[in-house]
């Protein structure tokens, strides 16, 4: 497994190189300026469009604007908002949130551009099952230049990255987090059982195609967003006096004016690390520039490509500026990110690092500790553990902090986590099996505190519990299931469209095996082969980086056509020419149900 991790991490270093991030940021700035800050149009005209003000039942497409937005949001507003933000803050610190905001704003321009150019090139030969996305953009546009074979090859490369991302970030990340957080609170429910249930639920939805996905998403997305935001607002209300300070810390850390010192479970973070993690998680959460959302939006019922592009601009605002920010502020205001340990070994306890030789001749150090003391009173209060119980369960993931001989230039400190797993012995003692530490110098213990390892969504749940004990348990379990299912069904459709493009007329024979494999991977991802935040991030970064490398050039080469159409449409809007086709907005129920406006 170590060799696989090393290979994937090396590949990620290429796919998610700093230059790729710079290219995306420059592209976002370019289209923000080129569209004359079209983010404003998304927040105004886009809202009118999703209300059905410009709907026409005779327009080509399968679902209305609201359902298309919901289908796209169901892929973006997911566990990236719960688990991904937690990972970003855990490793990158408060400054990561600032860079999430930057990507959220620039992402609105990116989404408008990529969706508009896909709408200009979508295939509506089958009105009930339209096809669109970056792969159709390059195929059609290169064909116009007499380079059809090149367009097919480039489109095929994008589809390979699309399917890879569907499998990793759209599937593995979601099912892993659901199993992790559910098992954290309900240990009696094994992770593989959770995987089976998830696979069945996802399978029942995706077999019905885009209409069923749009219908389900149109109901789940408003419910899950409203529920999660309400709980977040309650917590932030309790922590209101701390919010201004948290916002100031986010901005100062993000700009490098102030770097929070290591403390509690937080290892510290440099400006570069904060920016890298904030950008990475915001991209993963909002999918801006990734090229996935245009696939869902291409199913929208409209004859105005720009109209759906403007609607798409709302996605990063809802996903990153609103939902991700609430998650981040809950984690920061409750001190979950730099929390103290759940217990601590007494000074008299004998603790040491034993030196051993690794299989490859490298030097490893194994932490040796006595049995775990019971959790402290505050940890028991947060976890609602009876006072006479230890609070530890068999298989709990924990860590301690150690100091290495050299400072990690990326992290900015010499601290590292020493991961361990709790084992309940027959005599009732709780012992820990510690993972080896690879180092050229003997590590030293930074503190005697023992921390519970809350990974991804587990940390967000813990943050809610720190404010209102018990709230995190049911809120995050319910939200995780809703968010994950909605994300997985939309990403399944994205991957299906990639299969359709790759196999053409033969796609019918491949789509069903693809769906079966996709559901099987939902189950496989709940098996115990991912243990840390870094390993979890490694797999999601693989798909994200591959899609960015494939899609950014498509946006830069053909984006001028989207901008031409955008300014032509906005000119008609300013002159009032579009008012002739406008009518009273539809009722909320009709919009959600996807009923045609008569």
Protein backbone atom coordinates (compact mmCIF):
# COMPACT_ATOMS: atom_id res chain seq x y z
CA UNK A 1 0.00 0.00 0.00
CA UNK A 2 2.91 2.36 0.74
CA UNK A 3 4.12 2.03 -2.85
CA UNK A 4 0.65 2.84 -4.19
CA UNK A 5 0.46 5.90 -1.92
CA UNK A 6 3.91 7.05 -3.03
CA UNK A 7 2.96 6.69 -6.72
CA UNK A 8 -0.35 8.54 -6.34
CA UNK A 9 1.26 11.32 -4.31
CA UNK A 10 3.95 11.71 -6.97
CA UNK A 11 1.29 11.92 -9.68
CA UNK A 12 -0.64 14.47 -7.63
CA UNK A 13 2.49 16.57 -7.38
CA UNK A 14 2.37 16.90 -11.17
CA UNK A 15 -1.39 17.22 -11.64
CA UNK A 16 -1.84 19.71 -8.80
CA UNK A 17 1.40 21.61 -9.24
CA UNK A 18 1.49 25.25 -8.17
CA UNK A 19 1.44 26.25 -11.84
CA UNK A 20 -1.93 24.51 -12.29
CA UNK A 21 -3.31 26.53 -9.37
CA UNK A 22 -1.85 29.75 -10.78
CA UNK A 23 -3.40 29.00 -14.17
CA UNK A 24 -6.80 28.50 -12.60
CA UNK A 25 -6.58 31.70 -10.57
CA UNK A 26 -5.51 33.68 -13.64
CA UNK A 27 -8.38 32.16 -15.63
CA UNK A 28 -10.84 33.15 -12.92
CA UNK A 29 -9.52 36.72 -12.83
CA UNK A 30 -9.58 36.87 -16.65
CA UNK A 31 -13.25 35.94 -16.92
CA UNK A 32 -14.21 38.07 -13.93
CA UNK A 33 -12.86 41.13 -15.74
CA UNK A 34 -14.01 39.98 -19.20
CA UNK A 35 -17.58 39.49 -17.94
CA UNK A 36 -17.48 42.91 -16.22
CA UNK A 37 -17.86 41.19 -12.84
CA UNK A 38 -20.60 38.85 -13.99
CA UNK A 39 -20.89 37.58 -10.41
CA UNK A 40 -23.39 40.41 -9.93
CA UNK A 41 -25.54 39.09 -12.79
CA UNK A 42 -25.56 35.62 -11.23
CA UNK A 43 -26.87 37.00 -7.93
CA UNK A 44 -29.59 39.07 -9.62
CA UNK A 45 -30.62 37.81 -13.05
CA UNK A 46 -29.71 34.23 -12.13
CA UNK A 47 -32.22 34.22 -9.26
CA UNK A 48 -34.99 35.44 -11.60
CA UNK A 49 -34.16 32.67 -14.07
CA UNK A 50 -34.39 29.83 -11.54
CA UNK A 51 -37.76 31.22 -10.40
CA UNK A 52 -39.04 30.32 -13.87
CA UNK A 53 -39.54 33.89 -15.08
CA UNK A 54 -38.16 33.05 -18.54
CA UNK A 55 -39.19 29.37 -18.79
CA UNK A 56 -40.80 28.07 -21.99
CA UNK A 57 -42.09 24.50 -22.08
CA UNK A 58 -41.19 24.25 -25.78
CA UNK A 59 -37.48 24.93 -25.19
CA UNK A 60 -35.12 21.96 -25.69
CA UNK A 61 -33.97 20.15 -22.56
CA UNK A 62 -35.12 17.66 -19.94
CA UNK A 63 -35.30 19.59 -16.63
CA UNK A 64 -35.95 23.18 -15.56
CA UNK A 65 -33.31 25.68 -14.42
CA UNK A 66 -33.93 25.02 -10.73
CA UNK A 67 -33.57 21.27 -11.13
CA UNK A 68 -30.41 21.68 -13.23
CA UNK A 69 -28.95 23.94 -10.54
CA UNK A 70 -30.03 21.45 -7.86
CA UNK A 71 -28.46 18.53 -9.75
CA UNK A 72 -25.20 20.46 -10.06
CA UNK A 73 -25.36 21.63 -6.44
CA UNK A 74 -26.09 18.10 -5.27
CA UNK A 75 -22.67 17.20 -6.67
CA UNK A 76 -20.93 20.22 -5.15
CA UNK A 77 -22.80 20.81 -1.88
CA UNK A 78 -21.74 17.55 -0.34
CA UNK A 79 -19.24 16.15 2.09
CA UNK A 80 -16.66 18.53 0.66
CA UNK A 81 -18.57 21.20 2.60
CA UNK A 82 -18.50 19.12 5.79
CA UNK A 83 -15.42 16.94 5.56
CA UNK A 84 -13.33 18.84 3.02
CA UNK A 85 -13.50 22.13 4.91
CA UNK A 86 -12.55 20.30 8.12
CA UNK A 87 -9.47 18.84 6.43
CA UNK A 88 -8.51 22.29 5.08
CA UNK A 89 -8.76 23.98 8.48
CA UNK A 90 -7.06 21.09 10.29
CA UNK A 91 -3.98 21.23 8.06
CA UNK A 92 -4.01 24.75 6.59
CA UNK A 93 -5.37 26.64 9.58
CA UNK A 94 -7.75 29.64 9.54
CA UNK A 95 -5.96 31.16 6.54
CA UNK A 96 -7.25 28.35 4.37
CA UNK A 97 -10.76 29.80 4.69
CA UNK A 98 -9.64 33.11 3.16
CA UNK A 99 -8.41 31.33 0.06
CA UNK A 100 -11.63 29.37 -0.10
CA UNK A 101 -13.45 32.70 -0.35
CA UNK A 102 -11.15 33.84 -3.16
CA UNK A 103 -11.89 30.71 -5.15
CA UNK A 104 -15.59 31.05 -4.35
CA UNK A 105 -15.77 34.50 -5.94
CA UNK A 106 -13.55 33.68 -8.92
CA UNK A 107 -15.36 30.36 -9.27
CA UNK A 108 -18.59 32.17 -10.09
CA UNK A 109 -16.97 33.60 -13.23
CA UNK A 110 -15.41 30.24 -14.07
CA UNK A 111 -18.76 28.46 -13.77
CA UNK A 112 -20.56 31.01 -15.95
CA UNK A 113 -17.93 30.62 -18.66
CA UNK A 114 -17.60 26.85 -18.73
CA UNK A 115 -21.36 26.26 -18.57
CA UNK A 116 -22.09 28.83 -21.29
CA UNK A 117 -19.57 27.31 -23.70
CA UNK A 118 -21.00 23.85 -23.01
CA UNK A 119 -24.55 25.08 -23.61
CA UNK A 120 -23.41 26.51 -26.94
CA UNK A 121 -22.21 23.04 -27.95
CA UNK A 122 -24.64 20.64 -26.30
CA UNK A 123 -26.40 17.85 -28.19
CA UNK A 124 -30.22 17.93 -27.97
CA UNK A 125 -31.00 15.31 -30.63
CA UNK A 126 -32.78 13.42 -27.85
CA UNK A 127 -34.75 16.19 -26.08
CA UNK A 128 -35.34 14.01 -23.00
CA UNK A 129 -31.67 13.15 -22.61
CA UNK A 130 -29.42 16.05 -23.73
CA UNK A 131 -25.65 15.64 -23.72
CA UNK A 132 -23.12 18.35 -22.98
CA UNK A 133 -19.86 19.19 -21.29
CA UNK A 134 -16.27 20.14 -22.14
CA UNK A 135 -15.81 16.98 -24.24
CA UNK A 136 -18.53 18.14 -26.65
CA UNK A 137 -17.04 21.65 -26.69
CA UNK A 138 -13.65 20.48 -27.93
CA UNK A 139 -15.10 17.96 -30.37
CA UNK A 140 -17.44 20.47 -31.98
CA UNK A 141 -15.08 23.44 -31.96
CA UNK A 142 -12.11 21.49 -33.35
CA UNK A 143 -14.38 20.00 -36.02
CA UNK A 144 -15.21 23.55 -37.16
CA UNK A 145 -11.46 24.09 -37.62
CA UNK A 146 -11.10 20.89 -39.64
CA UNK A 147 -9.43 19.10 -36.72
CA UNK A 148 -12.21 16.69 -35.76
CA UNK A 149 -9.88 13.77 -34.84
CA UNK A 150 -7.91 16.02 -32.47
CA UNK A 151 -11.14 17.19 -30.84
CA UNK A 152 -12.26 13.60 -30.32
CA UNK A 153 -8.92 12.69 -28.71
CA UNK A 154 -8.88 15.72 -26.38
CA UNK A 155 -12.52 15.11 -25.48
CA UNK A 156 -11.69 11.48 -24.74
CA UNK A 157 -8.83 12.50 -22.44
CA UNK A 158 -11.19 14.77 -20.53
CA UNK A 159 -13.70 11.93 -20.19
CA UNK A 160 -11.05 9.63 -18.71
CA UNK A 161 -10.27 12.29 -16.07
CA UNK A 162 -14.00 12.80 -15.54
CA UNK A 163 -14.60 9.12 -14.81
CA UNK A 164 -11.52 9.08 -12.54
CA UNK A 165 -12.88 12.03 -10.58
CA UNK A 166 -16.34 10.45 -10.39
CA UNK A 167 -14.80 7.34 -8.85
CA UNK A 168 -12.57 9.19 -6.35
CA UNK A 169 -13.99 12.53 -5.21
CA UNK A 170 -17.57 11.91 -6.34
CA UNK A 171 -17.74 8.44 -4.85
CA UNK A 172 -14.88 7.29 -2.60
CA UNK A 173 -14.60 10.52 -0.60
CA UNK A 174 -18.35 10.57 0.03
CA UNK A 175 -18.87 6.95 1.07
CA UNK A 176 -15.70 6.90 3.20
CA UNK A 177 -16.82 9.97 5.15
CA UNK A 178 -20.34 8.65 5.71
CA UNK A 179 -18.99 5.36 7.03
CA UNK A 180 -16.43 7.18 9.19
CA UNK A 181 -18.82 9.59 10.86
CA UNK A 182 -21.67 7.06 11.25
CA UNK A 183 -19.38 4.46 12.80
CA UNK A 184 -17.85 7.15 15.03
CA UNK A 185 -21.22 7.72 16.69
CA UNK A 186 -22.78 4.29 16.20
CA UNK A 187 -19.90 1.80 16.67
CA UNK A 188 -22.33 -1.13 16.46
CA UNK A 189 -22.93 -0.32 12.78
CA UNK A 190 -19.95 -1.76 10.84
CA UNK A 191 -18.60 0.36 8.01
CA UNK A 192 -19.09 -2.35 5.34
CA UNK A 193 -22.80 -2.55 6.27
CA UNK A 194 -23.03 1.22 5.80
CA UNK A 195 -21.38 0.77 2.41
CA UNK A 196 -23.98 -1.80 1.34
CA UNK A 197 -26.88 0.47 2.32
CA UNK A 198 -25.33 3.44 0.52
CA UNK A 199 -24.72 1.38 -2.62
CA UNK A 200 -28.34 0.21 -2.73
CA UNK A 201 -29.76 3.71 -2.22
CA UNK A 202 -27.52 5.21 -4.90
CA UNK A 203 -28.31 2.39 -7.30
CA UNK A 204 -32.07 2.86 -6.95
CA UNK A 205 -31.75 6.51 -8.00
CA UNK A 206 -29.15 6.43 -10.78
CA UNK A 207 -30.91 3.71 -12.75
CA UNK A 208 -33.66 6.25 -13.49
CA UNK A 209 -31.34 8.64 -15.39
CA UNK A 210 -31.15 12.44 -15.35
CA UNK A 211 -34.89 13.04 -14.86
CA UNK A 212 -34.98 10.98 -11.68
CA UNK A 213 -31.68 12.48 -10.52
CA UNK A 214 -33.01 15.99 -11.15
CA UNK A 215 -36.25 15.22 -9.34
CA UNK A 216 -34.52 13.72 -6.30
CA UNK A 217 -31.89 16.48 -6.20
CA UNK A 218 -34.56 19.18 -6.43
CA UNK A 219 -36.05 17.87 -3.18
CA UNK A 220 -32.92 16.83 -1.27
CA UNK A 221 -30.73 19.89 -1.90
CA UNK A 222 -33.03 22.57 -0.38
CA UNK A 223 -33.79 20.27 2.57
CA UNK A 224 -30.20 19.39 3.36
CA UNK A 225 -28.87 22.95 2.89
CA UNK A 226 -31.62 24.43 5.04
CA UNK A 227 -31.19 21.88 7.83
CA UNK A 228 -27.42 22.19 7.94
CA UNK A 229 -27.39 25.99 7.78
CA UNK A 230 -30.00 26.26 10.53
CA UNK A 231 -27.88 24.15 12.89
CA UNK A 232 -24.78 26.14 11.95
CA UNK A 233 -26.51 29.45 12.62
CA UNK A 234 -27.60 28.17 16.06
CA UNK A 235 -24.00 27.32 16.97
CA UNK A 236 -22.67 30.60 15.61
CA UNK A 237 -25.37 32.42 17.61
CA UNK A 238 -24.02 30.81 20.77
CA UNK A 239 -20.47 31.78 19.78
CA UNK A 240 -21.40 35.19 18.36
CA UNK A 241 -18.92 37.24 20.47
CA UNK A 242 -16.05 35.22 18.99
CA UNK A 243 -17.08 35.58 15.32
CA UNK A 244 -15.46 39.00 14.63
CA UNK A 245 -12.15 37.74 16.01
CA UNK A 246 -12.41 34.58 13.92
CA UNK A 247 -13.07 36.58 10.74
CA UNK A 248 -10.08 38.82 11.47
CA UNK A 249 -7.89 35.77 12.09
CA UNK A 250 -9.02 34.23 8.79
CA UNK A 251 -8.06 37.35 6.82
CA UNK A 252 -4.77 37.95 8.65
CA UNK A 253 -3.72 34.31 8.32
CA UNK A 254 -4.78 34.17 4.68
CA UNK A 255 -2.69 37.24 3.82
CA UNK A 256 0.28 36.10 5.89
CA UNK A 257 -0.03 39.03 8.32
CA UNK A 258 -0.43 36.69 11.28
CA UNK A 259 0.35 32.99 11.47
CA UNK A 260 -1.35 31.10 14.31
CA UNK A 261 1.12 29.24 16.48
CA UNK A 262 0.89 25.46 16.89
CA UNK A 263 -1.40 24.59 19.77
CA UNK A 264 -3.52 21.68 20.90
CA UNK A 265 -4.17 19.43 17.91
CA UNK A 266 -3.07 22.11 15.41
CA UNK A 267 0.43 21.58 14.01
CA UNK A 268 0.80 25.09 12.61
CA UNK A 269 0.69 26.21 8.99
CA UNK A 270 2.65 28.47 6.68
CA UNK A 271 1.00 30.95 4.30
CA UNK A 272 1.73 28.63 1.40
CA UNK A 273 0.11 25.70 3.16
CA UNK A 274 -2.98 27.74 4.05
CA UNK A 275 -3.36 28.94 0.46
CA UNK A 276 -2.76 25.48 -0.99
CA UNK A 277 -5.32 23.76 1.22
CA UNK A 278 -7.89 26.53 0.97
CA UNK A 279 -7.71 26.56 -2.82
CA UNK A 280 -7.65 22.79 -3.08
CA UNK A 281 -10.66 22.18 -0.85
CA UNK A 282 -12.66 25.07 -2.35
CA UNK A 283 -12.01 23.66 -5.82
CA UNK A 284 -13.00 20.20 -4.69
CA UNK A 285 -16.14 21.52 -3.02
CA UNK A 286 -17.33 23.97 -5.72
CA UNK A 287 -15.79 22.15 -8.74
CA UNK A 288 -15.07 25.56 -10.30
CA UNK A 289 -13.02 25.09 -13.47
CA UNK A 290 -13.27 21.33 -13.17
CA UNK A 291 -15.72 20.95 -16.05
CA UNK A 292 -18.21 18.72 -14.27
CA UNK A 293 -21.14 21.08 -13.61
CA UNK A 294 -21.65 21.88 -17.32
CA UNK A 295 -22.74 18.27 -17.77
CA UNK A 296 -25.69 18.71 -15.39
CA UNK A 297 -26.57 22.18 -16.66
CA UNK A 298 -26.61 20.94 -20.25
CA UNK A 299 -29.82 19.10 -19.44
CA UNK A 300 -31.62 22.38 -18.65
CA UNK A 301 -34.69 23.33 -20.68
CA UNK A 302 -33.72 26.59 -22.43
CA UNK A 303 -32.83 28.02 -25.84
CA UNK A 304 -30.53 30.68 -24.32
CA UNK A 305 -27.09 29.22 -23.51
CA UNK A 306 -26.01 32.25 -21.46
CA UNK A 307 -29.12 32.05 -19.30
CA UNK A 308 -28.04 28.71 -17.88
CA UNK A 309 -24.47 29.96 -17.56
CA UNK A 310 -25.66 32.79 -15.32
CA UNK A 311 -27.63 30.32 -13.21
CA UNK A 312 -24.48 28.21 -12.82
CA UNK A 313 -22.68 31.23 -11.36
CA UNK A 314 -24.82 30.83 -8.24
CA UNK A 315 -23.21 27.49 -7.43
CA UNK A 316 -19.88 28.64 -5.94
CA UNK A 317 -21.66 31.37 -4.00
CA UNK A 318 -24.06 28.91 -2.35
CA UNK A 319 -21.48 26.16 -1.98
CA UNK A 320 -18.37 28.05 -0.86
CA UNK A 321 -19.31 31.53 0.31
CA UNK A 322 -22.33 30.32 2.31
CA UNK A 323 -22.17 26.63 3.26
CA UNK A 324 -18.39 26.19 3.51
CA UNK A 325 -18.05 29.39 5.53
CA UNK A 326 -20.62 28.20 8.07
CA UNK A 327 -18.70 24.93 8.49
CA UNK A 328 -15.38 26.74 8.88
CA UNK A 329 -16.70 29.22 11.43
CA UNK A 330 -18.27 26.42 13.50
CA UNK A 331 -14.92 24.57 13.58
CA UNK A 332 -12.94 27.72 14.41
CA UNK A 333 -15.32 29.28 16.95
CA UNK A 334 -15.63 26.04 18.96
CA UNK A 335 -11.83 25.54 18.98
CA UNK A 336 -12.24 22.11 17.42
CA UNK A 337 -9.27 22.84 15.14
CA UNK A 338 -6.81 23.45 18.02
CA UNK A 339 -8.63 21.42 20.66
CA UNK A 340 -6.85 19.98 23.71
CA UNK A 341 -6.38 16.24 24.09
CA UNK A 342 -9.08 13.91 25.39
CA UNK A 343 -6.68 12.55 28.00
CA UNK A 344 -3.06 12.88 29.06
CA UNK A 345 -0.46 10.48 30.38
CA UNK A 346 0.82 11.46 33.83
CA UNK A 347 4.42 12.67 34.17
CA UNK A 348 5.29 9.45 35.99
CA UNK A 349 4.24 7.28 33.04
CA UNK A 350 7.12 5.63 31.16
CA UNK A 351 6.97 6.74 27.50
CA UNK A 352 9.71 6.15 24.92
CA UNK A 353 10.49 5.76 21.23
CA UNK A 354 12.07 2.40 20.38
CA UNK A 355 14.38 2.42 17.35
CA UNK A 356 13.84 -0.33 14.76
CA UNK A 357 15.04 -1.15 11.29
CA UNK A 358 12.47 -0.97 8.47
CA UNK A 359 12.12 -3.51 5.64
CA UNK A 360 14.01 -1.19 3.29
CA UNK A 361 16.82 -0.52 5.73
CA UNK A 362 15.34 2.80 6.87
CA UNK A 363 15.23 3.83 10.51
CA UNK A 364 11.87 3.75 12.26
CA UNK A 365 10.78 4.70 15.74
CA UNK A 366 7.88 3.03 17.56
CA UNK A 367 6.17 4.90 20.39
CA UNK A 368 5.75 2.84 23.56
CA UNK A 369 3.11 3.96 26.07
CA UNK A 370 1.33 2.45 29.11
CA UNK A 371 -2.45 1.79 29.05
CA UNK A 372 -4.61 4.80 28.24
CA UNK A 373 -6.09 6.77 31.13
CA UNK A 374 -9.82 7.46 30.97
CA UNK A 375 -10.98 10.49 29.02
CA UNK A 376 -11.05 13.74 30.98
CA UNK A 377 -14.26 15.31 32.27
CA UNK A 378 -14.61 17.82 29.39
CA UNK A 379 -14.16 15.10 26.76
CA UNK A 380 -16.81 12.99 28.48
CA UNK A 381 -19.19 15.97 28.59
CA UNK A 382 -18.77 16.64 24.87
CA UNK A 383 -19.12 12.96 24.01
CA UNK A 384 -21.94 12.40 26.52
CA UNK A 385 -19.97 9.60 28.17
CA UNK A 386 -21.08 8.45 31.67
CA UNK A 387 -18.65 9.52 34.39
CA UNK A 388 -17.91 5.92 35.45
CA UNK A 389 -16.83 4.84 31.93
CA UNK A 390 -13.44 5.34 30.30
CA UNK A 391 -14.86 6.72 27.06
CA UNK A 392 -12.59 4.57 24.85
CA UNK A 393 -13.78 1.92 22.42
CA UNK A 394 -11.94 -0.81 20.57
CA UNK A 395 -10.60 0.53 17.25
CA UNK A 396 -10.64 4.24 18.19
CA UNK A 397 -8.12 6.24 16.16
CA UNK A 398 -5.88 8.50 18.24
CA UNK A 399 -2.65 10.44 17.89
CA UNK A 400 0.06 12.13 19.91
CA UNK A 401 2.38 14.93 18.81
CA UNK A 402 6.11 14.46 18.40
CA UNK A 403 8.96 16.76 17.42
CA UNK A 404 11.34 15.73 14.64
CA UNK A 405 14.91 16.92 14.16
CA UNK A 406 14.15 19.04 11.09
CA UNK A 407 11.56 21.71 10.37
CA UNK A 408 9.09 20.85 7.63
CA UNK A 409 9.38 23.78 5.23
CA UNK A 410 5.82 23.26 3.98
CA UNK A 411 4.25 23.02 7.44
CA UNK A 412 6.57 25.58 9.00
CA UNK A 413 7.10 23.49 12.16
CA UNK A 414 8.91 20.33 13.23
CA UNK A 415 5.76 18.69 14.62
CA UNK A 416 4.23 15.48 13.35
CA UNK A 417 1.30 13.29 14.34
CA UNK A 418 2.01 9.79 15.64
CA UNK A 419 -1.09 7.78 14.75
CA UNK A 420 -2.37 4.93 16.88
CA UNK A 421 -5.29 2.52 17.28
CA UNK A 422 -6.92 1.69 20.62
CA UNK A 423 -7.28 -1.96 21.59
CA UNK A 424 -9.47 -3.10 24.49
CA UNK A 425 -7.69 -6.00 26.22
CA UNK A 426 -9.48 -8.89 27.92
CA UNK A 427 -8.67 -7.44 31.35
CA UNK A 428 -10.29 -4.13 30.36
CA UNK A 429 -7.11 -2.16 29.81
CA UNK A 430 -7.03 0.20 26.81
CA UNK A 431 -3.71 -0.06 25.01
CA UNK A 432 -2.57 1.72 21.86
CA UNK A 433 -0.71 0.24 18.91
CA UNK A 434 1.31 3.14 17.48
CA UNK A 435 2.29 3.45 13.82
CA UNK A 436 6.03 3.75 13.15
CA UNK A 437 7.63 7.16 12.63
CA UNK A 438 10.23 7.42 9.87
CA UNK A 439 12.96 9.90 10.79
CA UNK A 440 16.71 10.37 10.50
CA UNK A 441 16.77 11.65 14.07
CA UNK A 442 15.15 10.27 17.24
CA UNK A 443 11.77 12.00 17.72
CA UNK A 444 10.84 13.53 21.07
CA UNK A 445 7.39 13.78 22.54
CA UNK A 446 5.88 17.27 22.20
CA UNK A 447 3.31 16.73 24.93
CA UNK A 448 1.72 13.88 26.85
CA UNK A 449 -1.75 14.63 25.52
CA UNK A 450 -3.64 11.99 23.55
CA UNK A 451 -6.01 13.29 20.87
CA UNK A 452 -8.89 11.51 19.18
CA UNK A 453 -8.30 11.52 15.43
CA UNK A 454 -11.37 13.16 13.94
CA UNK A 455 -11.06 12.76 10.18
CA UNK A 456 -13.01 14.92 7.74
CA UNK A 457 -16.71 15.05 8.63
CA UNK A 458 -15.88 13.58 12.05
CA UNK A 459 -14.18 16.84 13.06
CA UNK A 460 -17.18 18.91 11.96
CA UNK A 461 -19.47 16.66 14.01
CA UNK A 462 -17.14 17.09 16.99
CA UNK A 463 -17.24 20.88 16.53
CA UNK A 464 -21.05 20.90 16.75
CA UNK A 465 -20.86 18.64 19.82
CA UNK A 466 -18.46 21.04 21.52
CA UNK A 467 -21.12 23.74 21.28
CA UNK A 468 -24.19 21.57 21.93
CA UNK A 469 -23.34 18.01 23.09
CA UNK A 470 -25.29 15.51 21.00
CA UNK A 471 -26.08 17.95 18.18
CA UNK A 472 -23.17 16.81 16.03
CA UNK A 473 -24.16 13.17 16.30
CA UNK A 474 -27.56 13.35 14.63
CA UNK A 475 -27.01 16.45 12.52
CA UNK A 476 -23.83 15.25 10.86
CA UNK A 477 -25.06 11.69 10.46
CA UNK A 478 -28.22 12.92 8.72
CA UNK A 479 -26.45 15.65 6.75
CA UNK A 480 -23.65 13.29 5.73
CA UNK A 481 -26.09 10.74 4.35
CA UNK A 482 -28.11 13.35 2.47
CA UNK A 483 -25.04 15.20 1.18
CA UNK A 484 -23.23 12.03 0.18
CA UNK A 485 -26.16 10.39 -1.59
CA UNK A 486 -26.95 13.56 -3.53
CA UNK A 487 -23.30 13.98 -4.54
CA UNK A 488 -22.85 10.37 -5.57
CA UNK A 489 -25.96 10.27 -7.76
CA UNK A 490 -24.93 13.42 -9.64
CA UNK A 491 -21.34 12.27 -10.10
CA UNK A 492 -22.57 8.94 -11.33
CA UNK A 493 -24.40 10.84 -14.08
CA UNK A 494 -21.24 12.82 -14.88
CA UNK A 495 -19.27 9.62 -15.28
CA UNK A 496 -22.08 8.13 -17.35
CA UNK A 497 -21.83 11.04 -19.79
CA UNK A 498 -18.11 10.36 -20.06
CA UNK A 499 -18.89 6.75 -20.92
CA UNK A 500 -21.45 7.92 -23.49
CA UNK A 501 -18.85 10.12 -25.21
CA UNK A 502 -16.12 7.47 -25.18
CA UNK A 503 -18.24 4.62 -26.53
CA UNK A 504 -20.67 6.50 -28.78
CA UNK A 505 -23.30 4.24 -30.30
CA UNK A 506 -22.05 1.30 -28.22
CA UNK A 507 -22.52 3.21 -24.96
CA UNK A 508 -25.87 1.54 -24.29
CA UNK A 509 -24.12 -1.76 -23.61
CA UNK A 510 -21.56 -0.14 -21.30
CA UNK A 511 -23.65 2.25 -19.21
CA UNK A 512 -25.33 -0.39 -17.03
CA UNK A 513 -22.05 -2.22 -16.18
CA UNK A 514 -20.60 1.22 -15.36
CA UNK A 515 -23.47 1.92 -12.94
CA UNK A 516 -23.02 -1.48 -11.29
CA UNK A 517 -19.27 -0.88 -10.91
CA UNK A 518 -19.95 2.60 -9.51
CA UNK A 519 -22.26 1.18 -6.85
CA UNK A 520 -19.73 -1.55 -6.04
CA UNK A 521 -17.07 1.12 -5.42
CA UNK A 522 -19.45 2.82 -2.99
CA UNK A 523 -19.15 -0.33 -0.87
CA UNK A 524 -15.41 -0.86 -1.45
CA UNK A 525 -14.64 2.67 -0.22
CA UNK A 526 -15.98 1.82 3.24
CA UNK A 527 -13.41 -0.95 3.72
CA UNK A 528 -10.48 -0.05 6.04
CA UNK A 529 -7.74 1.00 3.63
CA UNK A 530 -7.84 4.80 4.25
CA UNK A 531 -6.80 5.87 7.75
CA UNK A 532 -5.68 9.49 7.75
CA UNK A 533 -6.72 12.89 6.36
CA UNK A 534 -3.66 12.87 4.13
CA UNK A 535 -4.57 9.53 2.55
CA UNK A 536 -8.16 10.66 2.05
CA UNK A 537 -7.00 13.87 0.41
CA UNK A 538 -4.56 11.96 -1.79
CA UNK A 539 -7.31 10.09 -3.65
CA UNK A 540 -9.62 13.09 -4.08
CA UNK A 541 -6.75 15.26 -5.30
CA UNK A 542 -5.97 12.69 -7.99
CA UNK A 543 -9.31 13.12 -9.75
CA UNK A 544 -9.51 16.87 -9.13
CA UNK A 545 -6.02 17.56 -10.48
CA UNK A 546 -6.56 15.43 -13.58
CA UNK A 547 -9.77 17.26 -14.51
CA UNK A 548 -8.25 20.70 -13.97
CA UNK A 549 -5.29 19.91 -16.21
CA UNK A 550 -7.69 18.74 -18.92
CA UNK A 551 -10.33 21.49 -18.59
CA UNK A 552 -8.34 24.71 -18.04
CA UNK A 553 -6.93 24.70 -21.61
CA UNK A 554 -10.45 24.12 -22.99
CA UNK A 555 -11.70 27.18 -21.12
CA UNK A 556 -8.81 29.35 -22.25
CA UNK A 557 -8.94 28.32 -25.92
CA UNK A 558 -12.71 28.51 -26.47
CA UNK A 559 -13.85 30.83 -23.69
CA UNK A 560 -13.93 33.79 -26.06
CA UNK A 561 -17.07 32.36 -27.69
CA UNK A 562 -18.77 32.12 -24.32
CA UNK A 563 -17.86 35.72 -23.54
CA UNK A 564 -19.12 36.88 -26.93
CA UNK A 565 -22.47 35.20 -26.32
CA UNK A 566 -22.53 36.52 -22.74
CA UNK A 567 -22.14 40.17 -23.71
CA UNK A 568 -24.64 39.84 -26.57
CA UNK A 569 -27.22 38.38 -24.15
CA UNK A 570 -26.56 41.01 -21.48
CA UNK A 571 -26.94 43.72 -24.10
CA UNK A 572 -30.43 42.45 -24.91
CA UNK A 573 -31.21 42.24 -21.20
CA UNK A 574 -30.15 45.87 -20.60
CA UNK A 575 -32.18 47.07 -23.57
CA UNK A 576 -35.28 45.31 -22.23
CA UNK A 577 -35.57 42.99 -25.23
CA UNK A 578 -35.89 39.92 -23.01
CA UNK A 579 -38.82 41.32 -21.08
CA UNK A 580 -41.13 40.42 -23.98
CA UNK A 581 -40.68 36.71 -23.23
CA UNK A 582 -40.77 37.11 -19.44
CA UNK A 583 -43.81 36.23 -17.34
CA UNK A 584 -44.71 35.95 -13.69
CA UNK A 585 -42.42 33.58 -11.78
CA UNK A 586 -43.83 30.11 -11.17
CA UNK A 587 -44.88 28.98 -7.71
CA UNK A 588 -42.18 27.49 -5.54
CA UNK A 589 -43.85 24.06 -5.60
CA UNK A 590 -44.04 24.07 -9.42
CA UNK A 591 -40.40 25.10 -9.68
CA UNK A 592 -39.28 22.33 -7.32
CA UNK A 593 -41.48 19.73 -9.03
CA UNK A 594 -40.19 20.78 -12.45
CA UNK A 595 -43.63 21.49 -13.88
CA UNK A 596 -43.75 23.33 -17.19
CA UNK A 597 -44.91 26.95 -17.13
CA UNK A 598 -48.10 27.20 -19.16
